[in-house]
Amino acid sequence: MKFSYAFPFVVAAALLQCPASAQTAGGTADVIGKTILGGKRVELLSDRTWRFASTAETDRKCLPINTVLGFCGSILDWRPTSTTGTELTRIFQHDTRNYAGIAYENIGRADGMEREDYRALIISSAADAVGVPTSEVPVIDVFDQPVDEVPGETMIYGLRVKGLNVVYVNTAVLMDHHAVQFLTWSIGSELTDDHRALHDRFIAANRITVEDSDS
């Protein structure tokens, strides 16, 4: 399976219908959606106005992954590395024992896939990658974990890869037309608190831009 790469160029039609002066609106309107305008994240408000997201967010430089995904982590924390020989869209190295990756596919709930199907596909693919039956992939934990406010589910499982014990933390996000895995993996036989914290930091560095109806 191959993955495509494209730079994001997303402007919501609803945003373009708002008056230009609306970006400075204050008030107590609720945020009902998010999109990208001129490369910056904006928030759509319930009073039909909009505003730029917080300065800390908009000042951060993000790496475009495709039209849906952006990565805003520091290259000091996450060094991009080659994806050759893998089906991952992006791979990052934190250090010699800890890595992270993003896998994207343009399939989703509209194609009949449910969360349980996606979970089973992930475990099946992991088993196939190392040549073992799915029964030999121990799933340590499963819990809800959103990515950029989009609902997701995290699975923790272990594999033996080229003679090494490896623990994977994989947060899967299934939308109507998009399916994304945000993974971190670490050499070792047990999940450590440091790995949990590292995964949470990786998740926090990712951005998802889709229409509200697709999330």
N, C-alpha and C. Protein backbone atom coordinates (compact mmCIF):
# COMPACT_ATOMS: atom_id res chain seq x y z
N MET A 1 0.84 -1.19 0.00
CA MET A 1 0.00 0.00 0.00
C MET A 1 0.87 1.24 0.00
N LYS A 2 0.63 2.16 -0.91
CA LYS A 2 1.43 3.37 -1.01
C LYS A 2 0.63 4.56 -0.50
N PHE A 3 1.32 5.56 -0.02
CA PHE A 3 0.67 6.75 0.51
C PHE A 3 1.08 7.97 -0.30
N SER A 4 0.14 8.88 -0.48
CA SER A 4 0.42 10.08 -1.27
C SER A 4 0.92 11.21 -0.38
N TYR A 5 1.50 12.22 -0.99
CA TYR A 5 2.02 13.37 -0.25
C TYR A 5 1.62 14.63 -0.99
N ALA A 6 1.07 15.56 -0.28
CA ALA A 6 0.68 16.83 -0.90
C ALA A 6 0.70 17.92 0.14
N PHE A 7 0.94 19.15 -0.31
CA PHE A 7 0.91 20.28 0.61
C PHE A 7 -0.52 20.72 0.85
N PRO A 8 -0.86 21.12 2.08
CA PRO A 8 -2.24 21.49 2.37
C PRO A 8 -2.60 22.86 1.79
N PHE A 9 -3.81 22.95 1.24
CA PHE A 9 -4.33 24.23 0.77
C PHE A 9 -5.82 24.20 1.03
N VAL A 10 -6.22 24.53 2.27
CA VAL A 10 -7.60 24.35 2.69
C VAL A 10 -8.18 25.68 3.14
N VAL A 11 -9.29 26.10 2.54
CA VAL A 11 -10.03 27.29 2.98
C VAL A 11 -11.50 26.93 3.00
N ALA A 12 -12.13 27.01 4.15
CA ALA A 12 -13.54 26.64 4.25
C ALA A 12 -14.42 27.68 3.61
N ALA A 13 -15.44 27.23 2.86
CA ALA A 13 -16.35 28.15 2.20
C ALA A 13 -17.11 29.00 3.22
N ALA A 14 -17.43 28.39 4.34
CA ALA A 14 -18.16 29.13 5.37
C ALA A 14 -17.33 30.30 5.90
N LEU A 15 -16.03 30.10 5.97
CA LEU A 15 -15.15 31.16 6.45
C LEU A 15 -15.13 32.33 5.49
N LEU A 16 -15.12 32.03 4.19
CA LEU A 16 -15.04 33.08 3.20
C LEU A 16 -16.30 33.93 3.18
N GLN A 17 -17.40 33.40 3.70
CA GLN A 17 -18.65 34.14 3.72
C GLN A 17 -18.73 35.11 4.89
N CYS A 18 -17.80 35.03 5.83
CA CYS A 18 -17.80 35.93 6.99
C CYS A 18 -17.14 37.25 6.61
N PRO A 19 -17.57 38.37 7.19
CA PRO A 19 -16.94 39.65 6.91
C PRO A 19 -15.51 39.68 7.43
N ALA A 20 -14.63 40.40 6.72
CA ALA A 20 -13.22 40.45 7.10
C ALA A 20 -13.04 40.99 8.50
N SER A 21 -13.88 41.89 8.92
CA SER A 21 -13.73 42.48 10.25
C SER A 21 -14.05 41.49 11.34
N ALA A 22 -14.65 40.36 10.98
CA ALA A 22 -15.06 39.41 12.01
C ALA A 22 -13.88 38.79 12.72
N GLN A 23 -12.69 38.81 12.12
CA GLN A 23 -11.56 38.16 12.76
C GLN A 23 -11.17 38.81 14.08
N THR A 24 -11.56 40.03 14.29
CA THR A 24 -11.18 40.71 15.52
C THR A 24 -12.27 40.61 16.57
N ALA A 25 -13.34 39.88 16.27
CA ALA A 25 -14.46 39.82 17.19
C ALA A 25 -14.02 39.20 18.51
N GLY A 26 -14.54 39.72 19.60
CA GLY A 26 -14.24 39.17 20.92
C GLY A 26 -15.44 38.40 21.40
N GLY A 27 -16.08 38.87 22.49
CA GLY A 27 -17.30 38.26 22.95
C GLY A 27 -17.07 36.89 23.56
N THR A 28 -18.19 36.18 23.75
CA THR A 28 -18.13 34.87 24.40
C THR A 28 -18.66 33.78 23.49
N ALA A 29 -18.59 33.97 22.19
CA ALA A 29 -19.09 32.96 21.26
C ALA A 29 -18.28 31.68 21.40
N ASP A 30 -18.95 30.54 21.18
CA ASP A 30 -18.30 29.25 21.28
C ASP A 30 -17.58 28.90 19.97
N VAL A 31 -16.50 28.14 20.08
CA VAL A 31 -15.80 27.64 18.90
C VAL A 31 -16.56 26.43 18.38
N ILE A 32 -16.99 26.47 17.10
CA ILE A 32 -17.76 25.38 16.52
C ILE A 32 -17.00 24.66 15.41
N GLY A 33 -15.81 25.14 15.05
CA GLY A 33 -15.04 24.49 14.02
C GLY A 33 -13.68 25.12 13.86
N LYS A 34 -12.81 24.46 13.09
CA LYS A 34 -11.46 24.96 12.83
C LYS A 34 -11.13 24.75 11.37
N THR A 35 -10.29 25.61 10.82
CA THR A 35 -9.82 25.43 9.46
C THR A 35 -8.50 26.18 9.30
N ILE A 36 -8.00 26.26 8.07
CA ILE A 36 -6.75 26.93 7.76
C ILE A 36 -7.03 28.11 6.84
N LEU A 37 -6.46 29.27 7.13
CA LEU A 37 -6.58 30.44 6.29
C LEU A 37 -5.19 31.05 6.13
N GLY A 38 -4.70 31.07 4.91
CA GLY A 38 -3.38 31.65 4.66
C GLY A 38 -2.28 30.96 5.43
N GLY A 39 -2.45 29.65 5.67
CA GLY A 39 -1.43 28.90 6.39
C GLY A 39 -1.55 29.00 7.89
N LYS A 40 -2.56 29.72 8.39
CA LYS A 40 -2.74 29.85 9.83
C LYS A 40 -4.07 29.22 10.24
N ARG A 41 -4.09 28.64 11.45
CA ARG A 41 -5.31 28.03 11.95
C ARG A 41 -6.26 29.11 12.44
N VAL A 42 -7.53 28.95 12.09
CA VAL A 42 -8.55 29.87 12.55
C VAL A 42 -9.67 29.08 13.20
N GLU A 43 -10.42 29.77 14.06
CA GLU A 43 -11.54 29.14 14.75
C GLU A 43 -12.84 29.77 14.26
N LEU A 44 -13.82 28.94 13.91
CA LEU A 44 -15.14 29.40 13.49
C LEU A 44 -16.02 29.47 14.73
N LEU A 45 -16.71 30.59 14.90
CA LEU A 45 -17.46 30.84 16.12
C LEU A 45 -18.96 30.72 15.89
N SER A 46 -19.68 30.48 16.99
CA SER A 46 -21.12 30.24 16.90
C SER A 46 -21.91 31.48 16.51
N ASP A 47 -21.32 32.68 16.62
CA ASP A 47 -22.02 33.90 16.21
C ASP A 47 -21.72 34.27 14.76
N ARG A 48 -21.20 33.28 13.97
CA ARG A 48 -20.94 33.41 12.54
C ARG A 48 -19.74 34.32 12.25
N THR A 49 -18.89 34.51 13.24
CA THR A 49 -17.64 35.23 13.03
C THR A 49 -16.49 34.23 13.14
N TRP A 50 -15.26 34.73 13.00
CA TRP A 50 -14.11 33.85 13.12
C TRP A 50 -12.95 34.63 13.72
N ARG A 51 -11.95 33.90 14.17
CA ARG A 51 -10.76 34.53 14.74
C ARG A 51 -9.56 33.61 14.53
N PHE A 52 -8.37 34.22 14.52
CA PHE A 52 -7.17 33.39 14.48
C PHE A 52 -7.02 32.66 15.81
N ALA A 53 -6.44 31.47 15.75
CA ALA A 53 -6.17 30.71 16.97
C ALA A 53 -5.13 31.45 17.80
N SER A 54 -4.84 30.93 18.97
CA SER A 54 -3.93 31.61 19.89
C SER A 54 -2.57 31.86 19.25
N THR A 55 -1.90 32.89 19.70
CA THR A 55 -0.60 33.26 19.13
C THR A 55 0.40 32.12 19.21
N ALA A 56 0.40 31.41 20.33
CA ALA A 56 1.34 30.30 20.50
C ALA A 56 1.12 29.25 19.42
N GLU A 57 -0.14 29.06 19.04
CA GLU A 57 -0.45 28.05 18.03
C GLU A 57 -0.08 28.53 16.64
N THR A 58 -0.44 29.75 16.31
CA THR A 58 -0.22 30.23 14.94
C THR A 58 1.24 30.55 14.67
N ASP A 59 2.00 30.86 15.71
CA ASP A 59 3.41 31.17 15.51
C ASP A 59 4.24 29.91 15.29
N ARG A 60 3.73 28.76 15.69
CA ARG A 60 4.47 27.53 15.57
C ARG A 60 4.52 27.10 14.10
N LYS A 61 5.70 26.76 13.62
CA LYS A 61 5.84 26.33 12.24
C LYS A 61 5.56 24.83 12.16
N CYS A 62 4.68 24.46 11.24
CA CYS A 62 4.26 23.07 11.13
C CYS A 62 4.70 22.48 9.79
N LEU A 63 5.02 21.20 9.82
CA LEU A 63 5.37 20.47 8.62
C LEU A 63 4.10 19.91 8.00
N PRO A 64 3.75 20.30 6.77
CA PRO A 64 2.57 19.73 6.14
C PRO A 64 2.81 18.27 5.75
N ILE A 65 1.91 17.40 6.16
CA ILE A 65 2.01 15.99 5.81
C ILE A 65 1.19 15.72 4.55
N ASN A 66 -0.05 16.19 4.53
CA ASN A 66 -0.91 16.15 3.36
C ASN A 66 -2.02 17.16 3.57
N THR A 67 -3.10 17.07 2.84
CA THR A 67 -4.16 18.07 2.96
C THR A 67 -4.92 17.96 4.27
N VAL A 68 -4.70 16.90 5.01
CA VAL A 68 -5.43 16.66 6.25
C VAL A 68 -4.55 16.83 7.48
N LEU A 69 -3.27 16.49 7.36
CA LEU A 69 -2.40 16.39 8.52
C LEU A 69 -1.27 17.41 8.50
N GLY A 70 -0.89 17.86 9.68
CA GLY A 70 0.27 18.71 9.86
C GLY A 70 0.99 18.32 11.14
N PHE A 71 2.32 18.40 11.12
CA PHE A 71 3.11 18.05 12.30
C PHE A 71 3.82 19.29 12.80
N CYS A 72 3.60 19.65 14.07
CA CYS A 72 4.11 20.89 14.63
C CYS A 72 5.16 20.65 15.71
N GLY A 73 5.71 19.46 15.76
CA GLY A 73 6.73 19.17 16.77
C GLY A 73 8.08 19.78 16.43
N SER A 74 8.91 19.93 17.43
CA SER A 74 10.24 20.49 17.25
C SER A 74 11.18 19.46 16.62
N ILE A 75 12.00 19.90 15.65
CA ILE A 75 12.98 18.99 15.05
C ILE A 75 14.06 18.61 16.06
N LEU A 76 14.14 19.32 17.15
CA LEU A 76 15.07 18.93 18.22
C LEU A 76 14.56 17.70 18.95
N ASP A 77 13.24 17.54 18.97
CA ASP A 77 12.59 16.39 19.60
C ASP A 77 12.39 15.25 18.62
N TRP A 78 12.04 15.61 17.38
CA TRP A 78 11.62 14.63 16.39
C TRP A 78 12.35 14.89 15.08
N ARG A 79 13.34 14.08 14.77
CA ARG A 79 14.11 14.27 13.54
C ARG A 79 13.50 13.42 12.43
N PRO A 80 13.03 14.05 11.34
CA PRO A 80 12.47 13.27 10.23
C PRO A 80 13.51 12.30 9.68
N THR A 81 13.08 11.09 9.36
CA THR A 81 13.98 10.09 8.80
C THR A 81 13.30 9.37 7.66
N SER A 82 14.03 8.53 6.97
CA SER A 82 13.53 7.90 5.74
C SER A 82 12.38 6.92 6.01
N THR A 83 11.41 6.91 5.09
CA THR A 83 10.31 5.95 5.16
C THR A 83 10.51 4.80 4.16
N THR A 84 11.66 4.76 3.52
CA THR A 84 11.93 3.72 2.52
C THR A 84 11.74 2.32 3.10
N GLY A 85 11.00 1.49 2.38
CA GLY A 85 10.78 0.13 2.83
C GLY A 85 9.65 -0.02 3.83
N THR A 86 8.93 1.08 4.12
CA THR A 86 7.81 1.03 5.04
C THR A 86 6.55 1.53 4.34
N GLU A 87 5.41 1.37 5.01
CA GLU A 87 4.16 1.93 4.51
C GLU A 87 3.73 3.13 5.36
N LEU A 88 4.67 3.70 6.07
CA LEU A 88 4.38 4.88 6.87
C LEU A 88 4.53 6.14 6.03
N THR A 89 3.67 7.11 6.30
CA THR A 89 3.72 8.38 5.59
C THR A 89 4.87 9.24 6.07
N ARG A 90 5.15 9.20 7.36
CA ARG A 90 6.27 9.94 7.96
C ARG A 90 6.85 9.11 9.10
N ILE A 91 8.17 9.20 9.28
CA ILE A 91 8.85 8.59 10.41
C ILE A 91 9.74 9.64 11.06
N PHE A 92 9.76 9.66 12.38
CA PHE A 92 10.60 10.58 13.14
C PHE A 92 11.42 9.78 14.16
N GLN A 93 12.66 10.21 14.38
CA GLN A 93 13.51 9.59 15.39
C GLN A 93 13.68 10.55 16.55
N HIS A 94 13.34 10.07 17.76
CA HIS A 94 13.54 10.87 18.96
C HIS A 94 14.95 10.65 19.50
N ASP A 95 15.34 9.40 19.61
CA ASP A 95 16.71 9.03 19.98
C ASP A 95 16.93 7.61 19.46
N THR A 96 18.00 6.96 19.89
CA THR A 96 18.34 5.64 19.32
C THR A 96 17.39 4.53 19.78
N ARG A 97 16.54 4.81 20.76
CA ARG A 97 15.62 3.79 21.25
C ARG A 97 14.15 4.14 21.02
N ASN A 98 13.87 5.35 20.62
CA ASN A 98 12.48 5.81 20.51
C ASN A 98 12.21 6.46 19.17
N TYR A 99 11.11 6.02 18.53
CA TYR A 99 10.73 6.51 17.21
C TYR A 99 9.24 6.83 17.18
N ALA A 100 8.83 7.53 16.13
CA ALA A 100 7.41 7.83 15.95
C ALA A 100 7.10 7.79 14.46
N GLY A 101 5.84 7.56 14.14
CA GLY A 101 5.44 7.52 12.74
C GLY A 101 3.99 7.88 12.56
N ILE A 102 3.65 8.23 11.32
CA ILE A 102 2.28 8.55 10.93
C ILE A 102 1.93 7.72 9.71
N ALA A 103 0.79 7.04 9.75
CA ALA A 103 0.30 6.28 8.61
C ALA A 103 -1.07 6.82 8.23
N TYR A 104 -1.23 7.19 6.97
CA TYR A 104 -2.49 7.79 6.50
C TYR A 104 -3.07 6.98 5.35
N GLU A 105 -4.39 6.80 5.38
CA GLU A 105 -5.11 6.20 4.26
C GLU A 105 -6.40 6.96 4.02
N ASN A 106 -6.78 7.15 2.76
CA ASN A 106 -8.01 7.89 2.46
C ASN A 106 -9.20 6.93 2.38
N ILE A 107 -9.43 6.23 3.48
CA ILE A 107 -10.61 5.40 3.66
C ILE A 107 -11.20 5.75 5.02
N GLY A 108 -12.43 5.34 5.26
CA GLY A 108 -13.03 5.66 6.55
C GLY A 108 -14.41 5.07 6.73
N ARG A 109 -15.16 5.70 7.62
CA ARG A 109 -16.49 5.18 7.95
C ARG A 109 -17.42 5.16 6.75
N ALA A 110 -17.26 6.12 5.83
CA ALA A 110 -18.10 6.15 4.64
C ALA A 110 -17.91 4.92 3.77
N ASP A 111 -16.80 4.22 3.95
CA ASP A 111 -16.51 3.00 3.20
C ASP A 111 -16.95 1.74 3.95
N GLY A 112 -17.60 1.95 5.09
CA GLY A 112 -18.08 0.82 5.88
C GLY A 112 -17.15 0.37 6.99
N MET A 113 -16.02 1.05 7.16
CA MET A 113 -15.08 0.66 8.21
C MET A 113 -15.52 1.22 9.56
N GLU A 114 -15.53 0.38 10.57
CA GLU A 114 -15.85 0.79 11.93
C GLU A 114 -14.59 0.71 12.78
N ARG A 115 -14.67 1.27 13.98
CA ARG A 115 -13.50 1.31 14.85
C ARG A 115 -12.95 -0.08 15.12
N GLU A 116 -13.86 -1.05 15.34
CA GLU A 116 -13.41 -2.41 15.62
C GLU A 116 -12.67 -3.01 14.42
N ASP A 117 -13.16 -2.68 13.20
CA ASP A 117 -12.49 -3.17 12.00
C ASP A 117 -11.08 -2.59 11.90
N TYR A 118 -10.96 -1.31 12.18
CA TYR A 118 -9.67 -0.64 12.07
C TYR A 118 -8.69 -1.19 13.10
N ARG A 119 -9.20 -1.44 14.30
CA ARG A 119 -8.36 -2.01 15.35
C ARG A 119 -7.83 -3.38 14.93
N ALA A 120 -8.73 -4.22 14.39
CA ALA A 120 -8.31 -5.56 13.96
C ALA A 120 -7.32 -5.49 12.80
N LEU A 121 -7.53 -4.52 11.89
CA LEU A 121 -6.62 -4.37 10.75
C LEU A 121 -5.23 -3.96 11.21
N ILE A 122 -5.15 -3.10 12.20
CA ILE A 122 -3.86 -2.66 12.72
C ILE A 122 -3.09 -3.83 13.32
N ILE A 123 -3.76 -4.63 14.14
CA ILE A 123 -3.09 -5.77 14.77
C ILE A 123 -2.71 -6.81 13.72
N SER A 124 -3.58 -7.04 12.75
CA SER A 124 -3.28 -7.98 11.68
C SER A 124 -2.07 -7.53 10.87
N SER A 125 -2.00 -6.24 10.56
CA SER A 125 -0.86 -5.71 9.80
C SER A 125 0.43 -5.82 10.59
N ALA A 126 0.35 -5.57 11.90
CA ALA A 126 1.53 -5.68 12.76
C ALA A 126 2.03 -7.13 12.79
N ALA A 127 1.09 -8.06 12.88
CA ALA A 127 1.47 -9.48 12.90
C ALA A 127 2.10 -9.89 11.58
N ASP A 128 1.50 -9.46 10.48
CA ASP A 128 2.03 -9.81 9.15
C ASP A 128 3.45 -9.25 8.97
N ALA A 129 3.69 -8.08 9.52
CA ALA A 129 4.99 -7.43 9.33
C ALA A 129 6.14 -8.23 9.93
N VAL A 130 5.84 -8.97 11.00
CA VAL A 130 6.91 -9.75 11.64
C VAL A 130 6.70 -11.25 11.46
N GLY A 131 5.69 -11.63 10.67
CA GLY A 131 5.50 -13.03 10.33
C GLY A 131 4.99 -13.92 11.45
N VAL A 132 4.05 -13.38 12.26
CA VAL A 132 3.46 -14.19 13.33
C VAL A 132 1.94 -14.10 13.24
N PRO A 133 1.20 -15.04 13.82
CA PRO A 133 -0.26 -14.93 13.86
C PRO A 133 -0.68 -13.81 14.80
N THR A 134 -1.89 -13.31 14.59
CA THR A 134 -2.37 -12.20 15.43
C THR A 134 -2.44 -12.58 16.90
N SER A 135 -2.61 -13.86 17.18
CA SER A 135 -2.69 -14.32 18.57
C SER A 135 -1.38 -14.11 19.31
N GLU A 136 -0.29 -13.89 18.56
CA GLU A 136 1.02 -13.68 19.20
C GLU A 136 1.39 -12.21 19.30
N VAL A 137 0.41 -11.33 19.07
CA VAL A 137 0.62 -9.90 19.28
C VAL A 137 -0.13 -9.51 20.55
N PRO A 138 0.57 -9.41 21.68
CA PRO A 138 -0.11 -9.10 22.94
C PRO A 138 -0.57 -7.65 23.00
N VAL A 139 -1.90 -7.47 23.16
CA VAL A 139 -2.45 -6.12 23.32
C VAL A 139 -2.51 -5.82 24.81
N ILE A 140 -1.74 -4.82 25.23
CA ILE A 140 -1.58 -4.51 26.65
C ILE A 140 -2.72 -3.65 27.17
N ASP A 141 -3.19 -2.71 26.33
CA ASP A 141 -4.23 -1.79 26.79
C ASP A 141 -4.88 -1.14 25.58
N VAL A 142 -6.14 -0.71 25.74
CA VAL A 142 -6.88 0.05 24.73
C VAL A 142 -7.67 1.12 25.46
N PHE A 143 -7.56 2.37 25.00
CA PHE A 143 -8.29 3.45 25.66
C PHE A 143 -8.50 4.61 24.68
N ASP A 144 -9.48 5.45 24.96
CA ASP A 144 -9.77 6.61 24.12
C ASP A 144 -8.70 7.68 24.29
N GLN A 145 -8.30 8.29 23.19
CA GLN A 145 -7.34 9.40 23.23
C GLN A 145 -7.52 10.25 21.97
N PRO A 146 -8.02 11.48 22.12
CA PRO A 146 -8.22 12.33 20.94
C PRO A 146 -6.90 12.88 20.40
N VAL A 147 -6.91 13.24 19.12
CA VAL A 147 -5.79 13.92 18.49
C VAL A 147 -6.32 15.23 17.92
N ASP A 148 -5.82 16.35 18.42
CA ASP A 148 -6.28 17.66 17.98
C ASP A 148 -7.81 17.76 18.05
N GLU A 149 -8.37 17.27 19.14
CA GLU A 149 -9.79 17.31 19.43
C GLU A 149 -10.63 16.38 18.57
N VAL A 150 -10.01 15.57 17.74
CA VAL A 150 -10.72 14.56 16.96
C VAL A 150 -10.65 13.23 17.71
N PRO A 151 -11.78 12.55 17.94
CA PRO A 151 -11.76 11.31 18.73
C PRO A 151 -10.82 10.25 18.14
N GLY A 152 -10.11 9.59 19.04
CA GLY A 152 -9.20 8.52 18.62
C GLY A 152 -9.14 7.44 19.68
N GLU A 153 -8.49 6.35 19.34
CA GLU A 153 -8.35 5.22 20.25
C GLU A 153 -6.91 4.76 20.25
N THR A 154 -6.33 4.62 21.43
CA THR A 154 -4.94 4.19 21.55
C THR A 154 -4.86 2.72 21.95
N MET A 155 -4.02 1.98 21.22
CA MET A 155 -3.71 0.60 21.56
C MET A 155 -2.24 0.49 21.91
N ILE A 156 -1.95 -0.30 22.91
CA ILE A 156 -0.56 -0.58 23.29
C ILE A 156 -0.33 -2.07 23.07
N TYR A 157 0.70 -2.40 22.29
CA TYR A 157 0.97 -3.80 22.01
C TYR A 157 2.47 -4.02 21.83
N GLY A 158 2.87 -5.26 21.90
CA GLY A 158 4.29 -5.59 21.81
C GLY A 158 4.58 -6.48 20.62
N LEU A 159 5.78 -6.35 20.06
CA LEU A 159 6.24 -7.20 18.97
C LEU A 159 7.71 -7.53 19.19
N ARG A 160 8.12 -8.61 18.58
CA ARG A 160 9.55 -8.93 18.56
C ARG A 160 10.03 -8.69 17.13
N VAL A 161 10.90 -7.71 16.96
CA VAL A 161 11.32 -7.26 15.64
C VAL A 161 12.83 -7.45 15.50
N LYS A 162 13.23 -8.34 14.58
CA LYS A 162 14.64 -8.59 14.31
C LYS A 162 15.42 -8.89 15.59
N GLY A 163 14.82 -9.70 16.44
CA GLY A 163 15.49 -10.12 17.66
C GLY A 163 15.34 -9.17 18.83
N LEU A 164 14.64 -8.05 18.63
CA LEU A 164 14.47 -7.06 19.70
C LEU A 164 13.02 -7.00 20.15
N ASN A 165 12.80 -6.83 21.45
CA ASN A 165 11.47 -6.56 21.97
C ASN A 165 11.14 -5.09 21.75
N VAL A 166 9.97 -4.83 21.18
CA VAL A 166 9.55 -3.46 20.88
C VAL A 166 8.13 -3.26 21.37
N VAL A 167 7.89 -2.15 22.06
CA VAL A 167 6.55 -1.78 22.52
C VAL A 167 6.03 -0.64 21.65
N TYR A 168 4.81 -0.83 21.12
CA TYR A 168 4.17 0.17 20.28
C TYR A 168 3.01 0.82 21.02
N VAL A 169 2.89 2.13 20.90
CA VAL A 169 1.71 2.87 21.34
C VAL A 169 1.13 3.51 20.09
N ASN A 170 -0.08 3.10 19.72
CA ASN A 170 -0.66 3.45 18.44
C ASN A 170 -2.02 4.10 18.64
N THR A 171 -2.12 5.38 18.33
CA THR A 171 -3.40 6.09 18.42
C THR A 171 -4.01 6.16 17.03
N ALA A 172 -5.16 5.51 16.87
CA ALA A 172 -5.85 5.43 15.58
C ALA A 172 -7.03 6.38 15.56
N VAL A 173 -7.10 7.17 14.49
CA VAL A 173 -8.21 8.11 14.30
C VAL A 173 -8.96 7.72 13.03
N LEU A 174 -10.23 7.40 13.18
CA LEU A 174 -11.05 6.99 12.04
C LEU A 174 -12.13 8.04 11.80
N MET A 175 -12.10 8.64 10.62
CA MET A 175 -13.07 9.66 10.23
C MET A 175 -13.89 9.15 9.05
N ASP A 176 -14.77 9.96 8.52
CA ASP A 176 -15.62 9.51 7.43
C ASP A 176 -14.81 9.11 6.19
N HIS A 177 -13.78 9.90 5.88
CA HIS A 177 -13.01 9.67 4.65
C HIS A 177 -11.51 9.54 4.89
N HIS A 178 -11.10 9.48 6.14
CA HIS A 178 -9.67 9.42 6.46
C HIS A 178 -9.45 8.46 7.62
N ALA A 179 -8.34 7.73 7.55
CA ALA A 179 -7.92 6.86 8.65
C ALA A 179 -6.44 7.12 8.90
N VAL A 180 -6.10 7.43 10.15
CA VAL A 180 -4.73 7.82 10.47
C VAL A 180 -4.26 7.07 11.72
N GLN A 181 -3.01 6.61 11.67
CA GLN A 181 -2.38 6.04 12.84
C GLN A 181 -1.22 6.94 13.26
N PHE A 182 -1.17 7.28 14.52
CA PHE A 182 -0.07 8.04 15.11
C PHE A 182 0.64 7.10 16.08
N LEU A 183 1.83 6.65 15.70
CA LEU A 183 2.52 5.62 16.47
C LEU A 183 3.80 6.14 17.11
N THR A 184 4.09 5.61 18.28
CA THR A 184 5.45 5.70 18.82
C THR A 184 5.87 4.29 19.18
N TRP A 185 7.16 3.99 19.04
CA TRP A 185 7.64 2.69 19.44
C TRP A 185 9.00 2.82 20.11
N SER A 186 9.22 1.92 21.05
CA SER A 186 10.42 1.99 21.88
C SER A 186 10.98 0.60 22.09
N ILE A 187 12.29 0.48 22.04
CA ILE A 187 12.93 -0.80 22.29
C ILE A 187 12.80 -1.14 23.78
N GLY A 188 12.29 -2.33 24.06
CA GLY A 188 12.08 -2.76 25.44
C GLY A 188 10.93 -3.74 25.51
N SER A 189 10.79 -4.41 26.62
CA SER A 189 9.75 -5.42 26.78
C SER A 189 8.55 -4.90 27.55
N GLU A 190 8.65 -3.71 28.15
CA GLU A 190 7.55 -3.15 28.92
C GLU A 190 7.35 -1.68 28.58
N LEU A 191 6.11 -1.23 28.68
CA LEU A 191 5.81 0.19 28.48
C LEU A 191 6.27 0.97 29.71
N THR A 192 7.06 2.00 29.48
CA THR A 192 7.57 2.81 30.58
C THR A 192 6.79 4.13 30.69
N ASP A 193 6.90 4.78 31.82
CA ASP A 193 6.28 6.09 31.99
C ASP A 193 6.87 7.09 31.01
N ASP A 194 8.16 6.96 30.73
CA ASP A 194 8.80 7.87 29.77
C ASP A 194 8.20 7.70 28.37
N HIS A 195 7.93 6.45 27.99
CA HIS A 195 7.33 6.21 26.68
C HIS A 195 5.91 6.78 26.63
N ARG A 196 5.14 6.58 27.68
CA ARG A 196 3.79 7.16 27.72
C ARG A 196 3.84 8.67 27.53
N ALA A 197 4.74 9.31 28.26
CA ALA A 197 4.86 10.77 28.18
C ALA A 197 5.32 11.20 26.79
N LEU A 198 6.22 10.43 26.20
CA LEU A 198 6.72 10.75 24.87
C LEU A 198 5.59 10.64 23.84
N HIS A 199 4.78 9.60 23.97
CA HIS A 199 3.66 9.44 23.04
C HIS A 199 2.67 10.59 23.17
N ASP A 200 2.36 10.96 24.39
CA ASP A 200 1.44 12.09 24.60
C ASP A 200 1.98 13.36 23.98
N ARG A 201 3.29 13.55 24.07
CA ARG A 201 3.92 14.74 23.48
C ARG A 201 3.85 14.69 21.95
N PHE A 202 4.03 13.50 21.41
CA PHE A 202 3.93 13.34 19.96
C PHE A 202 2.51 13.62 19.48
N ILE A 203 1.53 13.08 20.19
CA ILE A 203 0.12 13.32 19.84
C ILE A 203 -0.19 14.81 19.87
N ALA A 204 0.30 15.50 20.89
CA ALA A 204 0.01 16.93 21.04
C ALA A 204 0.62 17.76 19.92
N ALA A 205 1.62 17.22 19.22
CA ALA A 205 2.30 17.96 18.16
C ALA A 205 1.63 17.80 16.80
N ASN A 206 0.58 16.99 16.72
CA ASN A 206 -0.08 16.74 15.44
C ASN A 206 -1.35 17.55 15.28
N ARG A 207 -1.62 17.94 14.04
CA ARG A 207 -2.81 18.71 13.71
C ARG A 207 -3.61 17.99 12.64
N ILE A 208 -4.94 18.01 12.81
CA ILE A 208 -5.85 17.41 11.83
C ILE A 208 -6.80 18.50 11.36
N THR A 209 -6.89 18.68 10.05
CA THR A 209 -7.78 19.69 9.48
C THR A 209 -8.77 19.01 8.55
N VAL A 210 -10.01 18.89 9.00
CA VAL A 210 -11.07 18.30 8.19
C VAL A 210 -12.34 19.10 8.42
N GLU A 211 -13.31 18.91 7.55
CA GLU A 211 -14.62 19.50 7.78
C GLU A 211 -15.24 18.89 9.03
N ASP A 212 -16.04 19.67 9.75
CA ASP A 212 -16.64 19.18 11.00
C ASP A 212 -17.42 17.89 10.77
N SER A 213 -18.09 17.76 9.62
CA SER A 213 -18.91 16.59 9.35
C SER A 213 -18.07 15.34 9.17
N ASP A 214 -16.76 15.49 8.98
CA ASP A 214 -15.90 14.34 8.71
C ASP A 214 -15.22 13.83 9.95
N SER A 215 -15.25 14.58 11.04
CA SER A 215 -14.51 14.19 12.23
C SER A 215 -15.28 13.24 13.12
